[in-house]
Amino acid sequence: VAKDLGLQLPALSERGVRIIERGRIQYFDLDGKTGHLVTAERIDREQLCRLMEKCVLRCELIVEGEM
């Protein structure tokens, strides 16, 4: 994420970068040491999508300040 945004690692926390997801469980997190988007929780496709052919988890990345 840091590389994709063109930011250095310290800038991620300075700009208040955070991940917003719908629902109670947060499946993704931002690793502060590497700047990578990682899974924060086990993802069970059968539980989330059941009979749906296409399973999509959406999240938003919020960056405060100008880019």
N, C-alpha and C. Protein backbone atom coordinates (compact mmCIF):
# COMPACT_ATOMS: atom_id res chain seq x y z
N VAL A 1 0.84 -1.19 0.00
CA VAL A 1 0.00 0.00 0.00
C VAL A 1 0.88 1.25 0.00
N ALA A 2 1.91 1.24 0.83
CA ALA A 2 2.80 2.40 0.89
C ALA A 2 3.42 2.65 -0.49
N LYS A 3 3.88 1.61 -1.13
CA LYS A 3 4.50 1.74 -2.46
C LYS A 3 3.47 2.23 -3.48
N ASP A 4 2.27 1.67 -3.46
CA ASP A 4 1.23 2.07 -4.40
C ASP A 4 0.84 3.54 -4.24
N LEU A 5 0.87 4.04 -3.00
CA LEU A 5 0.53 5.44 -2.73
C LEU A 5 1.72 6.38 -2.91
N GLY A 6 2.91 5.79 -3.08
CA GLY A 6 4.11 6.62 -3.22
C GLY A 6 4.52 7.26 -1.92
N LEU A 7 4.26 6.58 -0.80
CA LEU A 7 4.60 7.10 0.53
C LEU A 7 5.69 6.26 1.18
N GLN A 8 6.49 6.89 2.03
CA GLN A 8 7.43 6.16 2.85
C GLN A 8 6.67 5.60 4.05
N LEU A 9 7.20 4.56 4.68
CA LEU A 9 6.50 3.92 5.80
C LEU A 9 6.09 4.87 6.91
N PRO A 10 6.95 5.76 7.38
CA PRO A 10 6.51 6.67 8.46
C PRO A 10 5.31 7.53 8.07
N ALA A 11 5.18 7.82 6.78
CA ALA A 11 4.08 8.68 6.32
C ALA A 11 2.72 8.00 6.46
N LEU A 12 2.70 6.66 6.48
CA LEU A 12 1.43 5.95 6.64
C LEU A 12 0.77 6.32 7.96
N SER A 13 1.52 6.28 9.04
CA SER A 13 0.93 6.62 10.33
C SER A 13 0.75 8.12 10.48
N GLU A 14 1.66 8.91 9.92
CA GLU A 14 1.55 10.37 10.01
C GLU A 14 0.29 10.88 9.30
N ARG A 15 -0.10 10.24 8.22
CA ARG A 15 -1.27 10.66 7.46
C ARG A 15 -2.55 9.98 7.94
N GLY A 16 -2.45 9.16 8.96
CA GLY A 16 -3.63 8.51 9.50
C GLY A 16 -4.25 7.51 8.55
N VAL A 17 -3.43 6.78 7.80
CA VAL A 17 -3.94 5.79 6.85
C VAL A 17 -4.63 4.68 7.64
N ARG A 18 -5.86 4.36 7.22
CA ARG A 18 -6.60 3.30 7.91
C ARG A 18 -7.52 2.59 6.92
N ILE A 19 -7.93 1.40 7.30
CA ILE A 19 -8.80 0.58 6.46
C ILE A 19 -10.18 0.55 7.08
N ILE A 20 -11.20 0.79 6.25
CA ILE A 20 -12.59 0.78 6.69
C ILE A 20 -13.30 -0.36 5.98
N GLU A 21 -13.99 -1.19 6.75
CA GLU A 21 -14.76 -2.29 6.17
C GLU A 21 -16.18 -2.26 6.71
N ARG A 22 -17.10 -2.78 5.93
CA ARG A 22 -18.47 -2.92 6.41
C ARG A 22 -18.56 -4.18 7.26
N GLY A 23 -19.46 -4.17 8.20
CA GLY A 23 -19.64 -5.35 9.04
C GLY A 23 -18.86 -5.26 10.33
N ARG A 24 -19.02 -6.28 11.14
CA ARG A 24 -18.40 -6.29 12.47
C ARG A 24 -16.97 -6.78 12.45
N ILE A 25 -16.63 -7.65 11.51
CA ILE A 25 -15.31 -8.26 11.48
C ILE A 25 -14.42 -7.50 10.50
N GLN A 26 -13.22 -7.16 10.95
CA GLN A 26 -12.25 -6.52 10.07
C GLN A 26 -11.31 -7.60 9.56
N TYR A 27 -11.40 -7.88 8.26
CA TYR A 27 -10.61 -8.95 7.66
C TYR A 27 -9.23 -8.51 7.21
N PHE A 28 -9.02 -7.21 7.03
CA PHE A 28 -7.74 -6.72 6.53
C PHE A 28 -7.13 -5.72 7.50
N ASP A 29 -5.80 -5.64 7.44
CA ASP A 29 -5.07 -4.70 8.29
C ASP A 29 -3.89 -4.19 7.48
N LEU A 30 -3.30 -3.12 7.94
CA LEU A 30 -2.13 -2.55 7.31
C LEU A 30 -0.94 -2.81 8.23
N ASP A 31 0.05 -3.52 7.72
CA ASP A 31 1.25 -3.84 8.50
C ASP A 31 2.10 -2.58 8.58
N GLY A 32 2.27 -2.04 9.77
CA GLY A 32 3.02 -0.80 9.98
C GLY A 32 4.50 -0.92 9.70
N LYS A 33 5.05 -2.13 9.74
CA LYS A 33 6.49 -2.33 9.50
C LYS A 33 6.82 -2.44 8.01
N THR A 34 5.88 -2.99 7.23
CA THR A 34 6.15 -3.22 5.81
C THR A 34 5.29 -2.37 4.88
N GLY A 35 4.15 -1.88 5.37
CA GLY A 35 3.23 -1.13 4.53
C GLY A 35 2.36 -2.03 3.67
N HIS A 36 2.37 -3.34 3.95
CA HIS A 36 1.58 -4.31 3.18
C HIS A 36 0.16 -4.42 3.72
N LEU A 37 -0.78 -4.69 2.83
CA LEU A 37 -2.14 -5.03 3.20
C LEU A 37 -2.14 -6.52 3.53
N VAL A 38 -2.57 -6.88 4.74
CA VAL A 38 -2.53 -8.27 5.18
C VAL A 38 -3.90 -8.69 5.71
N THR A 39 -4.12 -9.99 5.78
CA THR A 39 -5.35 -10.48 6.38
C THR A 39 -5.20 -10.40 7.89
N ALA A 40 -6.22 -9.87 8.55
CA ALA A 40 -6.20 -9.71 10.00
C ALA A 40 -7.02 -10.79 10.68
N GLU A 41 -7.83 -11.47 9.90
CA GLU A 41 -8.75 -12.47 10.45
C GLU A 41 -8.86 -13.60 9.43
N ARG A 42 -9.14 -14.78 9.91
CA ARG A 42 -9.35 -15.92 9.01
C ARG A 42 -10.56 -15.63 8.13
N ILE A 43 -10.43 -15.90 6.83
CA ILE A 43 -11.51 -15.65 5.88
C ILE A 43 -12.09 -16.99 5.45
N ASP A 44 -13.34 -17.22 5.79
CA ASP A 44 -14.04 -18.46 5.45
C ASP A 44 -15.02 -18.17 4.33
N ARG A 45 -14.65 -18.55 3.11
CA ARG A 45 -15.48 -18.25 1.94
C ARG A 45 -16.87 -18.86 2.05
N GLU A 46 -16.96 -20.08 2.53
CA GLU A 46 -18.26 -20.74 2.64
C GLU A 46 -19.19 -20.00 3.60
N GLN A 47 -18.64 -19.48 4.66
CA GLN A 47 -19.45 -18.75 5.62
C GLN A 47 -19.86 -17.38 5.09
N LEU A 48 -18.98 -16.71 4.39
CA LEU A 48 -19.26 -15.36 3.89
C LEU A 48 -20.17 -15.34 2.66
N CYS A 49 -19.93 -16.24 1.73
CA CYS A 49 -20.61 -16.15 0.44
C CYS A 49 -21.58 -17.29 0.16
N ARG A 50 -21.50 -18.32 0.92
CA ARG A 50 -22.38 -19.49 0.80
C ARG A 50 -22.58 -19.93 -0.63
N LEU A 51 -23.73 -19.66 -1.23
CA LEU A 51 -24.06 -20.19 -2.55
C LEU A 51 -23.71 -19.23 -3.69
N MET A 52 -23.07 -18.14 -3.38
CA MET A 52 -22.72 -17.17 -4.42
C MET A 52 -21.48 -17.64 -5.18
N GLU A 53 -21.53 -17.53 -6.50
CA GLU A 53 -20.40 -17.97 -7.32
C GLU A 53 -19.19 -17.06 -7.14
N LYS A 54 -19.43 -15.76 -7.11
CA LYS A 54 -18.36 -14.78 -6.97
C LYS A 54 -18.36 -14.23 -5.55
N CYS A 55 -17.22 -14.31 -4.89
CA CYS A 55 -17.11 -13.86 -3.51
C CYS A 55 -16.16 -12.65 -3.46
N VAL A 56 -16.69 -11.50 -3.04
CA VAL A 56 -15.90 -10.28 -3.02
C VAL A 56 -15.99 -9.65 -1.63
N LEU A 57 -14.85 -9.29 -1.08
CA LEU A 57 -14.79 -8.52 0.17
C LEU A 57 -14.31 -7.12 -0.18
N ARG A 58 -15.09 -6.15 0.20
CA ARG A 58 -14.73 -4.76 -0.12
C ARG A 58 -14.23 -4.05 1.14
N CYS A 59 -13.23 -3.21 0.92
CA CYS A 59 -12.76 -2.35 2.00
C CYS A 59 -12.29 -1.04 1.38
N GLU A 60 -12.23 -0.02 2.19
CA GLU A 60 -11.77 1.29 1.73
C GLU A 60 -10.52 1.66 2.50
N LEU A 61 -9.61 2.29 1.82
CA LEU A 61 -8.40 2.80 2.43
C LEU A 61 -8.53 4.31 2.53
N ILE A 62 -8.49 4.83 3.74
CA ILE A 62 -8.64 6.27 3.98
C ILE A 62 -7.26 6.86 4.25
N VAL A 63 -6.94 7.94 3.54
CA VAL A 63 -5.69 8.66 3.75
C VAL A 63 -6.06 10.11 4.06
N GLU A 64 -5.66 10.58 5.22
CA GLU A 64 -5.96 11.96 5.60
C GLU A 64 -4.94 12.90 4.98
N GLY A 65 -5.38 14.09 4.64
CA GLY A 65 -4.48 15.08 4.04
C GLY A 65 -4.42 14.94 2.53
N GLU A 66 -3.72 15.86 1.91
CA GLU A 66 -3.61 15.87 0.47
C GLU A 66 -2.60 14.85 -0.02
N MET A 67 -2.86 14.34 -1.21
CA MET A 67 -1.94 13.40 -1.85
C MET A 67 -1.30 14.07 -3.04
